[in-house]
Amino acid sequence: SLAIGALPAYVSTADVFIICAPDAVHRDSKEFCGLSTYNLRGWCRMEMFAKACSSGTAHMYLQTGTGISELTDQDFSSLSLHVFEGVFTVQRDMEKLVEPVLGLYSLILSHGLEEKLHFIQE
């Protein structure tokens, strides 16, 4: 429970954020995994949202298995920050993220970052 609240706080203070999403086959389910499946998961969306709210997209990188590169605006615009529309293995985790998400919105407003966060769409 404490880890759930700590993750957004930890990510929002990180200097560098690397999305590790190489193309692979999941060991247990045998399903394809990669950037597209990373982007479906609610926790992954939460991590990206926390980083974006604290410092925008600066120092965000993408590691896809073939190398690491700085996340471009085009890359970022293809990702979703809609945390509560993501897939959660434990649905109740969404409820536990309400307060951290509100705190991140507060961070945006208190730092006057609204203009830098044009990529957060309704």
PDB file of N, CA and C in Angstrom:
ATOM      1  N   SER A   1       0.823  -1.200   0.000  1.00  0.00           N
ATOM      2  CA  SER A   1       0.000   0.000   0.000  1.00  0.00           C
ATOM      3  C   SER A   1       0.867   1.264   0.000  1.00  0.00           C
ATOM      4  N   LEU A   2       1.921   1.273   0.826  1.00  0.00           N
ATOM      5  CA  LEU A   2       2.807   2.431   0.841  1.00  0.00           C
ATOM      6  C   LEU A   2       3.556   2.572  -0.476  1.00  0.00           C
ATOM      7  N   ALA A   3       3.881   1.452  -1.097  1.00  0.00           N
ATOM      8  CA  ALA A   3       4.598   1.486  -2.375  1.00  0.00           C
ATOM      9  C   ALA A   3       3.745   2.129  -3.461  1.00  0.00           C
ATOM     10  N   ILE A   4       2.451   1.912  -3.402  1.00  0.00           N
ATOM     11  CA  ILE A   4       1.561   2.491  -4.407  1.00  0.00           C
ATOM     12  C   ILE A   4       1.614   4.012  -4.348  1.00  0.00           C
ATOM     13  N   GLY A   5       1.545   4.565  -3.150  1.00  0.00           N
ATOM     14  CA  GLY A   5       1.613   6.011  -3.003  1.00  0.00           C
ATOM     15  C   GLY A   5       2.995   6.567  -3.275  1.00  0.00           C
ATOM     16  N   ALA A   6       4.019   5.750  -3.045  1.00  0.00           N
ATOM     17  CA  ALA A   6       5.398   6.216  -3.208  1.00  0.00           C
ATOM     18  C   ALA A   6       5.845   6.259  -4.665  1.00  0.00           C
ATOM     19  N   LEU A   7       5.320   5.383  -5.504  1.00  0.00           N
ATOM     20  CA  LEU A   7       5.781   5.326  -6.887  1.00  0.00           C
ATOM     21  C   LEU A   7       5.625   6.653  -7.625  1.00  0.00           C
ATOM     22  N   PRO A   8       4.444   7.274  -7.621  1.00  0.00           N
ATOM     23  CA  PRO A   8       4.331   8.565  -8.312  1.00  0.00           C
ATOM     24  C   PRO A   8       5.269   9.623  -7.729  1.00  0.00           C
ATOM     25  N   ALA A   9       5.436   9.629  -6.421  1.00  0.00           N
ATOM     26  CA  ALA A   9       6.335  10.609  -5.791  1.00  0.00           C
ATOM     27  C   ALA A   9       7.775  10.363  -6.208  1.00  0.00           C
ATOM     28  N   TYR A  10       8.181   9.103  -6.223  1.00  0.00           N
ATOM     29  CA  TYR A  10       9.548   8.764  -6.620  1.00  0.00           C
ATOM     30  C   TYR A  10       9.810   9.156  -8.078  1.00  0.00           C
ATOM     31  N   VAL A  11       8.913   8.764  -8.958  1.00  0.00           N
ATOM     32  CA  VAL A  11       9.096   9.055 -10.381  1.00  0.00           C
ATOM     33  C   VAL A  11       9.102  10.560 -10.635  1.00  0.00           C
ATOM     34  N   SER A  12       8.269  11.301  -9.921  1.00  0.00           N
ATOM     35  CA  SER A  12       8.203  12.749 -10.163  1.00  0.00           C
ATOM     36  C   SER A  12       9.475  13.473  -9.744  1.00  0.00           C
ATOM     37  N   THR A  13      10.324  12.821  -8.944  1.00  0.00           N
ATOM     38  CA  THR A  13      11.583  13.448  -8.534  1.00  0.00           C
ATOM     39  C   THR A  13      12.785  12.929  -9.315  1.00  0.00           C
ATOM     40  N   ALA A  14      12.566  11.952 -10.170  1.00  0.00           N
ATOM     41  CA  ALA A  14      13.671  11.369 -10.948  1.00  0.00           C
ATOM     42  C   ALA A  14      14.179  12.362 -11.988  1.00  0.00           C
ATOM     43  N   ASP A  15      15.492  12.414 -12.131  1.00  0.00           N
ATOM     44  CA  ASP A  15      16.101  13.287 -13.135  1.00  0.00           C
ATOM     45  C   ASP A  15      15.955  12.718 -14.537  1.00  0.00           C
ATOM     46  N   VAL A  16      16.014  11.410 -14.641  1.00  0.00           N
ATOM     47  CA  VAL A  16      15.956  10.721 -15.927  1.00  0.00           C
ATOM     48  C   VAL A  16      14.905   9.626 -15.841  1.00  0.00           C
ATOM     49  N   PHE A  17      14.166   9.453 -16.929  1.00  0.00           N
ATOM     50  CA  PHE A  17      13.135   8.424 -16.983  1.00  0.00           C
ATOM     51  C   PHE A  17      13.344   7.626 -18.260  1.00  0.00           C
ATOM     52  N   ILE A  18      13.491   6.323 -18.122  1.00  0.00           N
ATOM     53  CA  ILE A  18      13.705   5.467 -19.279  1.00  0.00           C
ATOM     54  C   ILE A  18      12.553   4.467 -19.383  1.00  0.00           C
ATOM     55  N   ILE A  19      11.872   4.496 -20.505  1.00  0.00           N
ATOM     56  CA  ILE A  19      10.833   3.512 -20.784  1.00  0.00           C
ATOM     57  C   ILE A  19      11.541   2.295 -21.369  1.00  0.00           C
ATOM     58  N   CYS A  20      11.510   1.199 -20.642  1.00  0.00           N
ATOM     59  CA  CYS A  20      12.142  -0.050 -21.099  1.00  0.00           C
ATOM     60  C   CYS A  20      11.051  -0.935 -21.680  1.00  0.00           C
ATOM     61  N   ALA A  21      10.964  -0.982 -22.995  1.00  0.00           N
ATOM     62  CA  ALA A  21       9.891  -1.719 -23.645  1.00  0.00           C
ATOM     63  C   ALA A  21      10.382  -2.443 -24.892  1.00  0.00           C
ATOM     64  N   PRO A  22      11.326  -3.372 -24.709  1.00  0.00           N
ATOM     65  CA  PRO A  22      11.792  -4.118 -25.879  1.00  0.00           C
ATOM     66  C   PRO A  22      10.714  -5.090 -26.363  1.00  0.00           C
ATOM     67  N   ASP A  23      10.718  -5.368 -27.649  1.00  0.00           N
ATOM     68  CA  ASP A  23       9.813  -6.381 -28.177  1.00  0.00           C
ATOM     69  C   ASP A  23      10.252  -7.740 -27.645  1.00  0.00           C
ATOM     70  N   ALA A  24       9.303  -8.475 -27.096  1.00  0.00           N
ATOM     71  CA  ALA A  24       9.629  -9.780 -26.514  1.00  0.00           C
ATOM     72  C   ALA A  24       8.354 -10.607 -26.404  1.00  0.00           C
ATOM     73  N   VAL A  25       8.541 -11.874 -26.122  1.00  0.00           N
ATOM     74  CA  VAL A  25       7.419 -12.759 -25.847  1.00  0.00           C
ATOM     75  C   VAL A  25       7.420 -13.013 -24.344  1.00  0.00           C
ATOM     76  N   HIS A  26       6.273 -12.778 -23.712  1.00  0.00           N
ATOM     77  CA  HIS A  26       6.146 -12.966 -22.269  1.00  0.00           C
ATOM     78  C   HIS A  26       6.413 -14.429 -21.914  1.00  0.00           C
ATOM     79  N   ARG A  27       7.233 -14.628 -20.913  1.00  0.00           N
ATOM     80  CA  ARG A  27       7.648 -15.974 -20.520  1.00  0.00           C
ATOM     81  C   ARG A  27       6.462 -16.859 -20.130  1.00  0.00           C
ATOM     82  N   ASP A  28       5.510 -16.301 -19.373  1.00  0.00           N
ATOM     83  CA  ASP A  28       4.399 -17.112 -18.873  1.00  0.00           C
ATOM     84  C   ASP A  28       3.217 -17.166 -19.843  1.00  0.00           C
ATOM     85  N   SER A  29       2.778 -16.007 -20.311  1.00  0.00           N
ATOM     86  CA  SER A  29       1.572 -15.965 -21.142  1.00  0.00           C
ATOM     87  C   SER A  29       1.851 -16.231 -22.616  1.00  0.00           C
ATOM     88  N   LYS A  30       3.109 -16.124 -23.006  1.00  0.00           N
ATOM     89  CA  LYS A  30       3.529 -16.304 -24.405  1.00  0.00           C
ATOM     90  C   LYS A  30       2.968 -15.220 -25.324  1.00  0.00           C
ATOM     91  N   GLU A  31       2.466 -14.134 -24.747  1.00  0.00           N
ATOM     92  CA  GLU A  31       1.938 -13.036 -25.539  1.00  0.00           C
ATOM     93  C   GLU A  31       3.047 -12.054 -25.881  1.00  0.00           C
ATOM     94  N   PHE A  32       2.845 -11.324 -26.978  1.00  0.00           N
ATOM     95  CA  PHE A  32       3.794 -10.296 -27.395  1.00  0.00           C
ATOM     96  C   PHE A  32       3.801  -9.161 -26.377  1.00  0.00           C
ATOM     97  N   CYS A  33       4.970  -8.634 -26.079  1.00  0.00           N
ATOM     98  CA  CYS A  33       5.122  -7.468 -25.216  1.00  0.00           C
ATOM     99  C   CYS A  33       6.032  -6.466 -25.938  1.00  0.00           C
ATOM    100  N   GLY A  34       5.754  -5.221 -25.757  1.00  0.00           N
ATOM    101  CA  GLY A  34       6.561  -4.166 -26.366  1.00  0.00           C
ATOM    102  C   GLY A  34       6.010  -2.819 -25.960  1.00  0.00           C
ATOM    103  N   LEU A  35       6.334  -1.800 -26.725  1.00  0.00           N
ATOM    104  CA  LEU A  35       5.875  -0.452 -26.393  1.00  0.00           C
ATOM    105  C   LEU A  35       4.351  -0.356 -26.387  1.00  0.00           C
ATOM    106  N   SER A  36       3.713  -1.048 -27.314  1.00  0.00           N
ATOM    107  CA  SER A  36       2.245  -0.975 -27.370  1.00  0.00           C
ATOM    108  C   SER A  36       1.604  -1.572 -26.118  1.00  0.00           C
ATOM    109  N   THR A  37       2.152  -2.655 -25.593  1.00  0.00           N
ATOM    110  CA  THR A  37       1.572  -3.245 -24.385  1.00  0.00           C
ATOM    111  C   THR A  37       1.995  -2.460 -23.141  1.00  0.00           C
ATOM    112  N   TYR A  38       3.200  -1.900 -23.150  1.00  0.00           N
ATOM    113  CA  TYR A  38       3.632  -1.011 -22.065  1.00  0.00           C
ATOM    114  C   TYR A  38       2.618   0.120 -21.926  1.00  0.00           C
ATOM    115  N   ASN A  39       2.224   0.672 -23.051  1.00  0.00           N
ATOM    116  CA  ASN A  39       1.321   1.819 -23.073  1.00  0.00           C
ATOM    117  C   ASN A  39      -0.095   1.470 -22.625  1.00  0.00           C
ATOM    118  N   LEU A  40      -0.441   0.224 -22.603  1.00  0.00           N
ATOM    119  CA  LEU A  40      -1.774  -0.186 -22.149  1.00  0.00           C
ATOM    120  C   LEU A  40      -1.881  -0.249 -20.634  1.00  0.00           C
ATOM    121  N   ARG A  41      -0.772  -0.504 -19.964  1.00  0.00           N
ATOM    122  CA  ARG A  41      -0.803  -0.752 -18.525  1.00  0.00           C
ATOM    123  C   ARG A  41      -0.957   0.537 -17.715  1.00  0.00           C
ATOM    124  N   GLY A  42      -1.869   0.486 -16.763  1.00  0.00           N
ATOM    125  CA  GLY A  42      -2.161   1.650 -15.930  1.00  0.00           C
ATOM    126  C   GLY A  42      -0.963   2.135 -15.132  1.00  0.00           C
ATOM    127  N   TRP A  43      -0.193   1.192 -14.584  1.00  0.00           N
ATOM    128  CA  TRP A  43       0.978   1.594 -13.797  1.00  0.00           C
ATOM    129  C   TRP A  43       2.021   2.279 -14.673  1.00  0.00           C
ATOM    130  N   CYS A  44       2.189   1.815 -15.892  1.00  0.00           N
ATOM    131  CA  CYS A  44       3.146   2.447 -16.806  1.00  0.00           C
ATOM    132  C   CYS A  44       2.674   3.857 -17.165  1.00  0.00           C
ATOM    133  N   ARG A  45       1.383   4.009 -17.382  1.00  0.00           N
ATOM    134  CA  ARG A  45       0.830   5.341 -17.656  1.00  0.00           C
ATOM    135  C   ARG A  45       1.046   6.266 -16.460  1.00  0.00           C
ATOM    136  N   MET A  46       0.894   5.703 -15.257  1.00  0.00           N
ATOM    137  CA  MET A  46       1.106   6.494 -14.047  1.00  0.00           C
ATOM    138  C   MET A  46       2.546   6.997 -13.980  1.00  0.00           C
ATOM    139  N   GLU A  47       3.492   6.127 -14.283  1.00  0.00           N
ATOM    140  CA  GLU A  47       4.902   6.522 -14.255  1.00  0.00           C
ATOM    141  C   GLU A  47       5.180   7.654 -15.242  1.00  0.00           C
ATOM    142  N   MET A  48       4.683   7.503 -16.472  1.00  0.00           N
ATOM    143  CA  MET A  48       4.902   8.551 -17.485  1.00  0.00           C
ATOM    144  C   MET A  48       4.236   9.856 -17.068  1.00  0.00           C
ATOM    145  N   PHE A  49       3.026   9.750 -16.533  1.00  0.00           N
ATOM    146  CA  PHE A  49       2.284  10.932 -16.097  1.00  0.00           C
ATOM    147  C   PHE A  49       3.036  11.665 -14.988  1.00  0.00           C
ATOM    148  N   ALA A  50       3.558  10.905 -14.027  1.00  0.00           N
ATOM    149  CA  ALA A  50       4.289  11.518 -12.914  1.00  0.00           C
ATOM    150  C   ALA A  50       5.525  12.258 -13.410  1.00  0.00           C
ATOM    151  N   LYS A  51       6.266  11.654 -14.318  1.00  0.00           N
ATOM    152  CA  LYS A  51       7.458  12.319 -14.859  1.00  0.00           C
ATOM    153  C   LYS A  51       7.065  13.558 -15.647  1.00  0.00           C
ATOM    154  N   ALA A  52       6.049  13.453 -16.476  1.00  0.00           N
ATOM    155  CA  ALA A  52       5.619  14.582 -17.297  1.00  0.00           C
ATOM    156  C   ALA A  52       5.115  15.737 -16.437  1.00  0.00           C
ATOM    157  N   CYS A  53       4.440  15.440 -15.352  1.00  0.00           N
ATOM    158  CA  CYS A  53       3.923  16.498 -14.483  1.00  0.00           C
ATOM    159  C   CYS A  53       5.021  17.228 -13.732  1.00  0.00           C
ATOM    160  N   SER A  54       6.116  16.543 -13.469  1.00  0.00           N
ATOM    161  CA  SER A  54       7.179  17.178 -12.686  1.00  0.00           C
ATOM    162  C   SER A  54       8.124  17.993 -13.539  1.00  0.00           C
ATOM    163  N   SER A  55       8.487  17.496 -14.705  1.00  0.00           N
ATOM    164  CA  SER A  55       9.482  18.226 -15.514  1.00  0.00           C
ATOM    165  C   SER A  55       9.225  18.131 -17.006  1.00  0.00           C
ATOM    166  N   GLY A  56       8.002  17.830 -17.386  1.00  0.00           N
ATOM    167  CA  GLY A  56       7.708  17.712 -18.812  1.00  0.00           C
ATOM    168  C   GLY A  56       8.379  16.479 -19.390  1.00  0.00           C
ATOM    169  N   THR A  57       8.709  16.547 -20.649  1.00  0.00           N
ATOM    170  CA  THR A  57       9.285  15.381 -21.318  1.00  0.00           C
ATOM    171  C   THR A  57      10.810  15.426 -21.388  1.00  0.00           C
ATOM    172  N   ALA A  58      11.408  16.409 -20.729  1.00  0.00           N
ATOM    173  CA  ALA A  58      12.875  16.500 -20.731  1.00  0.00           C
ATOM    174  C   ALA A  58      13.468  15.275 -20.046  1.00  0.00           C
ATOM    175  N   HIS A  59      14.508  14.755 -20.610  1.00  0.00           N
ATOM    176  CA  HIS A  59      15.251  13.621 -20.046  1.00  0.00           C
ATOM    177  C   HIS A  59      14.411  12.348 -19.953  1.00  0.00           C
ATOM    178  N   MET A  60      13.526  12.174 -20.930  1.00  0.00           N
ATOM    179  CA  MET A  60      12.779  10.919 -21.054  1.00  0.00           C
ATOM    180  C   MET A  60      13.364  10.168 -22.236  1.00  0.00           C
ATOM    181  N   TYR A  61      13.599   8.876 -22.043  1.00  0.00           N
ATOM    182  CA  TYR A  61      14.235   8.056 -23.064  1.00  0.00           C
ATOM    183  C   TYR A  61      13.422   6.797 -23.312  1.00  0.00           C
ATOM    184  N   LEU A  62      13.652   6.215 -24.485  1.00  0.00           N
ATOM    185  CA  LEU A  62      12.950   5.009 -24.885  1.00  0.00           C
ATOM    186  C   LEU A  62      13.977   3.934 -25.223  1.00  0.00           C
ATOM    187  N   GLN A  63      13.859   2.794 -24.580  1.00  0.00           N
ATOM    188  CA  GLN A  63      14.728   1.654 -24.846  1.00  0.00           C
ATOM    189  C   GLN A  63      13.836   0.548 -25.390  1.00  0.00           C
ATOM    190  N   THR A  64      14.036   0.213 -26.658  1.00  0.00           N
ATOM    191  CA  THR A  64      13.174  -0.773 -27.307  1.00  0.00           C
ATOM    192  C   THR A  64      13.877  -2.088 -27.602  1.00  0.00           C
ATOM    193  N   GLY A  65      15.075  -2.257 -27.151  1.00  0.00           N
ATOM    194  CA  GLY A  65      15.812  -3.485 -27.403  1.00  0.00           C
ATOM    195  C   GLY A  65      16.881  -3.310 -28.454  1.00  0.00           C
ATOM    196  N   THR A  66      16.701  -2.333 -29.334  1.00  0.00           N
ATOM    197  CA  THR A  66      17.705  -2.080 -30.374  1.00  0.00           C
ATOM    198  C   THR A  66      18.603  -0.917 -29.999  1.00  0.00           C
ATOM    199  N   GLY A  67      18.338  -0.290 -28.898  1.00  0.00           N
ATOM    200  CA  GLY A  67      19.125   0.846 -28.445  1.00  0.00           C
ATOM    201  C   GLY A  67      18.267   1.785 -27.628  1.00  0.00           C
ATOM    202  N   ILE A  68      18.883   2.841 -27.189  1.00  0.00           N
ATOM    203  CA  ILE A  68      18.170   3.829 -26.376  1.00  0.00           C
ATOM    204  C   ILE A  68      18.202   5.157 -27.115  1.00  0.00           C
ATOM    205  N   SER A  69      17.082   5.857 -27.080  1.00  0.00           N
ATOM    206  CA  SER A  69      17.012   7.157 -27.743  1.00  0.00           C
ATOM    207  C   SER A  69      16.144   8.096 -26.921  1.00  0.00           C
ATOM    208  N   GLU A  70      16.383   9.377 -27.114  1.00  0.00           N
ATOM    209  CA  GLU A  70      15.570  10.364 -26.420  1.00  0.00           C
ATOM    210  C   GLU A  70      14.151  10.292 -26.961  1.00  0.00           C
ATOM    211  N   LEU A  71      13.184  10.373 -26.082  1.00  0.00           N
ATOM    212  CA  LEU A  71      11.785  10.315 -26.469  1.00  0.00           C
ATOM    213  C   LEU A  71      11.438  11.584 -27.229  1.00  0.00           C
ATOM    214  N   THR A  72      10.968  11.449 -28.446  1.00  0.00           N
ATOM    215  CA  THR A  72      10.599  12.610 -29.252  1.00  0.00           C
ATOM    216  C   THR A  72       9.169  13.023 -28.946  1.00  0.00           C
ATOM    217  N   ASP A  73       8.804  14.227 -29.377  1.00  0.00           N
ATOM    218  CA  ASP A  73       7.416  14.660 -29.212  1.00  0.00           C
ATOM    219  C   ASP A  73       6.474  13.708 -29.938  1.00  0.00           C
ATOM    220  N   GLN A  74       6.902  13.214 -31.095  1.00  0.00           N
ATOM    221  CA  GLN A  74       6.072  12.275 -31.850  1.00  0.00           C
ATOM    222  C   GLN A  74       5.898  10.971 -31.068  1.00  0.00           C
ATOM    223  N   ASP A  75       7.007  10.467 -30.484  1.00  0.00           N
ATOM    224  CA  ASP A  75       6.911   9.257 -29.641  1.00  0.00           C
ATOM    225  C   ASP A  75       5.926   9.500 -28.505  1.00  0.00           C
ATOM    226  N   PHE A  76       6.101  10.632 -27.830  1.00  0.00           N
ATOM    227  CA  PHE A  76       5.287  10.912 -26.650  1.00  0.00           C
ATOM    228  C   PHE A  76       3.816  11.080 -27.001  1.00  0.00           C
ATOM    229  N   SER A  77       3.547  11.706 -28.144  1.00  0.00           N
ATOM    230  CA  SER A  77       2.146  11.924 -28.519  1.00  0.00           C
ATOM    231  C   SER A  77       1.438  10.607 -28.845  1.00  0.00           C
ATOM    232  N   SER A  78       2.202   9.544 -29.118  1.00  0.00           N
ATOM    233  CA  SER A  78       1.579   8.248 -29.396  1.00  0.00           C
ATOM    234  C   SER A  78       1.299   7.459 -28.118  1.00  0.00           C
ATOM    235  N   LEU A  79       1.774   7.965 -26.987  1.00  0.00           N
ATOM    236  CA  LEU A  79       1.560   7.295 -25.705  1.00  0.00           C
ATOM    237  C   LEU A  79       0.374   7.916 -24.979  1.00  0.00           C
ATOM    238  N   SER A  80      -0.231   7.169 -24.100  1.00  0.00           N
ATOM    239  CA  SER A  80      -1.392   7.672 -23.360  1.00  0.00           C
ATOM    240  C   SER A  80      -1.044   7.932 -21.900  1.00  0.00           C
ATOM    241  N   LEU A  81      -1.485   9.075 -21.407  1.00  0.00           N
ATOM    242  CA  LEU A  81      -1.324   9.408 -19.999  1.00  0.00           C
ATOM    243  C   LEU A  81      -2.639   9.258 -19.241  1.00  0.00           C
ATOM    244  N   HIS A  82      -3.615   8.660 -19.868  1.00  0.00           N
ATOM    245  CA  HIS A  82      -4.919   8.454 -19.242  1.00  0.00           C
ATOM    246  C   HIS A  82      -4.809   7.282 -18.265  1.00  0.00           C
ATOM    247  N   VAL A  83      -4.317   7.595 -17.084  1.00  0.00           N
ATOM    248  CA  VAL A  83      -4.004   6.582 -16.072  1.00  0.00           C
ATOM    249  C   VAL A  83      -5.198   5.677 -15.798  1.00  0.00           C
ATOM    250  N   PHE A  84      -6.357   6.251 -15.597  1.00  0.00           N
ATOM    251  CA  PHE A  84      -7.512   5.471 -15.160  1.00  0.00           C
ATOM    252  C   PHE A  84      -8.195   4.716 -16.297  1.00  0.00           C
ATOM    253  N   GLU A  85      -7.711   4.896 -17.510  1.00  0.00           N
ATOM    254  CA  GLU A  85      -8.205   4.102 -18.627  1.00  0.00           C
ATOM    255  C   GLU A  85      -7.243   2.960 -18.956  1.00  0.00           C
ATOM    256  N   GLY A  86      -6.163   2.868 -18.203  1.00  0.00           N
ATOM    257  CA  GLY A  86      -5.183   1.806 -18.419  1.00  0.00           C
ATOM    258  C   GLY A  86      -5.639   0.490 -17.814  1.00  0.00           C
ATOM    259  N   VAL A  87      -4.919  -0.558 -18.160  1.00  0.00           N
ATOM    260  CA  VAL A  87      -5.221  -1.900 -17.664  1.00  0.00           C
ATOM    261  C   VAL A  87      -4.458  -2.121 -16.357  1.00  0.00           C
ATOM    262  N   PHE A  88      -5.194  -2.541 -15.342  1.00  0.00           N
ATOM    263  CA  PHE A  88      -4.612  -2.859 -14.036  1.00  0.00           C
ATOM    264  C   PHE A  88      -4.913  -4.318 -13.717  1.00  0.00           C
ATOM    265  N   THR A  89      -3.912  -5.063 -13.287  1.00  0.00           N
ATOM    266  CA  THR A  89      -4.126  -6.441 -12.872  1.00  0.00           C
ATOM    267  C   THR A  89      -5.033  -6.468 -11.652  1.00  0.00           C
ATOM    268  N   VAL A  90      -4.822  -5.525 -10.747  1.00  0.00           N
ATOM    269  CA  VAL A  90      -5.656  -5.379  -9.554  1.00  0.00           C
ATOM    270  C   VAL A  90      -6.450  -4.084  -9.720  1.00  0.00           C
ATOM    271  N   GLN A  91      -7.724  -4.205 -10.025  1.00  0.00           N
ATOM    272  CA  GLN A  91      -8.560  -3.038 -10.318  1.00  0.00           C
ATOM    273  C   GLN A  91      -8.594  -2.021  -9.181  1.00  0.00           C
ATOM    274  N   ARG A  92      -8.509  -2.469  -7.953  1.00  0.00           N
ATOM    275  CA  ARG A  92      -8.578  -1.556  -6.805  1.00  0.00           C
ATOM    276  C   ARG A  92      -7.366  -0.629  -6.747  1.00  0.00           C
ATOM    277  N   ASP A  93      -6.303  -0.958  -7.456  1.00  0.00           N
ATOM    278  CA  ASP A  93      -5.145  -0.062  -7.499  1.00  0.00           C
ATOM    279  C   ASP A  93      -5.527   1.303  -8.060  1.00  0.00           C
ATOM    280  N   MET A  94      -6.500   1.320  -8.960  1.00  0.00           N
ATOM    281  CA  MET A  94      -6.938   2.604  -9.524  1.00  0.00           C
ATOM    282  C   MET A  94      -7.425   3.539  -8.425  1.00  0.00           C
ATOM    283  N   GLU A  95      -8.188   3.000  -7.493  1.00  0.00           N
ATOM    284  CA  GLU A  95      -8.709   3.818  -6.397  1.00  0.00           C
ATOM    285  C   GLU A  95      -7.580   4.385  -5.550  1.00  0.00           C
ATOM    286  N   LYS A  96      -6.544   3.602  -5.364  1.00  0.00           N
ATOM    287  CA  LYS A  96      -5.415   4.038  -4.553  1.00  0.00           C
ATOM    288  C   LYS A  96      -4.579   5.106  -5.249  1.00  0.00           C
ATOM    289  N   LEU A  97      -4.787   5.287  -6.548  1.00  0.00           N
ATOM    290  CA  LEU A  97      -4.016   6.282  -7.297  1.00  0.00           C
ATOM    291  C   LEU A  97      -4.714   7.632  -7.406  1.00  0.00           C
ATOM    292  N   VAL A  98      -5.939   7.736  -6.920  1.00  0.00           N
ATOM    293  CA  VAL A  98      -6.676   8.995  -7.040  1.00  0.00           C
ATOM    294  C   VAL A  98      -5.922  10.134  -6.350  1.00  0.00           C
ATOM    295  N   GLU A  99      -5.529   9.950  -5.109  1.00  0.00           N
ATOM    296  CA  GLU A  99      -4.829  11.025  -4.395  1.00  0.00           C
ATOM    297  C   GLU A  99      -3.477  11.362  -5.023  1.00  0.00           C
ATOM    298  N   PRO A 100      -2.649  10.369  -5.387  1.00  0.00           N
ATOM    299  CA  PRO A 100      -1.398  10.727  -6.058  1.00  0.00           C
ATOM    300  C   PRO A 100      -1.611  11.497  -7.370  1.00  0.00           C
ATOM    301  N   VAL A 101      -2.626  11.135  -8.140  1.00  0.00           N
ATOM    302  CA  VAL A 101      -2.894  11.850  -9.395  1.00  0.00           C
ATOM    303  C   VAL A 101      -3.319  13.287  -9.098  1.00  0.00           C
ATOM    304  N   LEU A 102      -4.165  13.477  -8.098  1.00  0.00           N
ATOM    305  CA  LEU A 102      -4.558  14.839  -7.721  1.00  0.00           C
ATOM    306  C   LEU A 102      -3.343  15.649  -7.275  1.00  0.00           C
ATOM    307  N   GLY A 103      -2.432  15.004  -6.547  1.00  0.00           N
ATOM    308  CA  GLY A 103      -1.198  15.669  -6.135  1.00  0.00           C
ATOM    309  C   GLY A 103      -0.354  16.069  -7.323  1.00  0.00           C
ATOM    310  N   LEU A 104      -0.305  15.233  -8.350  1.00  0.00           N
ATOM    311  CA  LEU A 104       0.470  15.561  -9.551  1.00  0.00           C
ATOM    312  C   LEU A 104      -0.162  16.723 -10.310  1.00  0.00           C
ATOM    313  N   TYR A 105      -1.488  16.762 -10.396  1.00  0.00           N
ATOM    314  CA  TYR A 105      -2.158  17.907 -11.013  1.00  0.00           C
ATOM    315  C   TYR A 105      -1.827  19.180 -10.232  1.00  0.00           C
ATOM    316  N   SER A 106      -1.808  19.074  -8.927  1.00  0.00           N
ATOM    317  CA  SER A 106      -1.443  20.210  -8.081  1.00  0.00           C
ATOM    318  C   SER A 106      -0.023  20.681  -8.390  1.00  0.00           C
ATOM    319  N   LEU A 107       0.868  19.739  -8.621  1.00  0.00           N
ATOM    320  CA  LEU A 107       2.252  20.066  -8.968  1.00  0.00           C
ATOM    321  C   LEU A 107       2.319  20.871 -10.258  1.00  0.00           C
ATOM    322  N   ILE A 108       1.533  20.467 -11.236  1.00  0.00           N
ATOM    323  CA  ILE A 108       1.477  21.204 -12.506  1.00  0.00           C
ATOM    324  C   ILE A 108       1.080  22.650 -12.254  1.00  0.00           C
ATOM    325  N   LEU A 109       0.014  22.826 -11.504  1.00  0.00           N
ATOM    326  CA  LEU A 109      -0.502  24.172 -11.257  1.00  0.00           C
ATOM    327  C   LEU A 109       0.449  25.020 -10.414  1.00  0.00           C
ATOM    328  N   SER A 110       1.053  24.414  -9.410  1.00  0.00           N
ATOM    329  CA  SER A 110       1.928  25.188  -8.523  1.00  0.00           C
ATOM    330  C   SER A 110       3.222  25.614  -9.199  1.00  0.00           C
ATOM    331  N   HIS A 111       3.671  24.852 -10.189  1.00  0.00           N
ATOM    332  CA  HIS A 111       4.893  25.200 -10.907  1.00  0.00           C
ATOM    333  C   HIS A 111       4.632  25.951 -12.205  1.00  0.00           C
ATOM    334  N   GLY A 112       3.364  26.217 -12.497  1.00  0.00           N
ATOM    335  CA  GLY A 112       3.025  26.939 -13.719  1.00  0.00           C
ATOM    336  C   GLY A 112       3.460  26.208 -14.974  1.00  0.00           C
ATOM    337  N   LEU A 113       3.333  24.885 -14.969  1.00  0.00           N
ATOM    338  CA  LEU A 113       3.791  24.078 -16.101  1.00  0.00           C
ATOM    339  C   LEU A 113       2.710  23.848 -17.157  1.00  0.00           C
ATOM    340  N   GLU A 114       1.553  24.463 -16.993  1.00  0.00           N
ATOM    341  CA  GLU A 114       0.447  24.159 -17.892  1.00  0.00           C
ATOM    342  C   GLU A 114       0.837  24.288 -19.364  1.00  0.00           C
ATOM    343  N   GLU A 115       1.576  25.340 -19.700  1.00  0.00           N
ATOM    344  CA  GLU A 115       1.924  25.557 -21.104  1.00  0.00           C
ATOM    345  C   GLU A 115       2.909  24.514 -21.620  1.00  0.00           C
ATOM    346  N   LYS A 116       3.672  23.902 -20.740  1.00  0.00           N
ATOM    347  CA  LYS A 116       4.628  22.871 -21.158  1.00  0.00           C
ATOM    348  C   LYS A 116       3.971  21.510 -21.323  1.00  0.00           C
ATOM    349  N   LEU A 117       2.750  21.388 -20.857  1.00  0.00           N
ATOM    350  CA  LEU A 117       2.081  20.095 -20.864  1.00  0.00           C
ATOM    351  C   LEU A 117       0.963  20.041 -21.901  1.00  0.00           C
ATOM    352  N   HIS A 118       1.233  20.605 -23.062  1.00  0.00           N
ATOM    353  CA  HIS A 118       0.247  20.625 -24.132  1.00  0.00           C
ATOM    354  C   HIS A 118      -0.148  19.222 -24.582  1.00  0.00           C
ATOM    355  N   PHE A 119       0.673  18.227 -24.254  1.00  0.00           N
ATOM    356  CA  PHE A 119       0.425  16.867 -24.693  1.00  0.00           C
ATOM    357  C   PHE A 119      -0.605  16.151 -23.831  1.00  0.00           C
ATOM    358  N   ILE A 120      -0.983  16.723 -22.692  1.00  0.00           N
ATOM    359  CA  ILE A 120      -2.033  16.109 -21.874  1.00  0.00           C
ATOM    360  C   ILE A 120      -3.360  16.616 -22.411  1.00  0.00           C
ATOM    361  N   GLN A 121      -4.033  15.739 -23.106  1.00  0.00           N
ATOM    362  CA  GLN A 121      -5.281  16.100 -23.754  1.00  0.00           C
ATOM    363  C   GLN A 121      -6.451  15.582 -22.947  1.00  0.00           C
ATOM    364  N   GLU A 122      -7.585  16.196 -23.167  1.00  0.00           N
ATOM    365  CA  GLU A 122      -8.800  15.757 -22.462  1.00  0.00           C
ATOM    366  C   GLU A 122      -9.287  14.444 -23.010  1.00  0.00           C
TER     367      GLU A 122
END
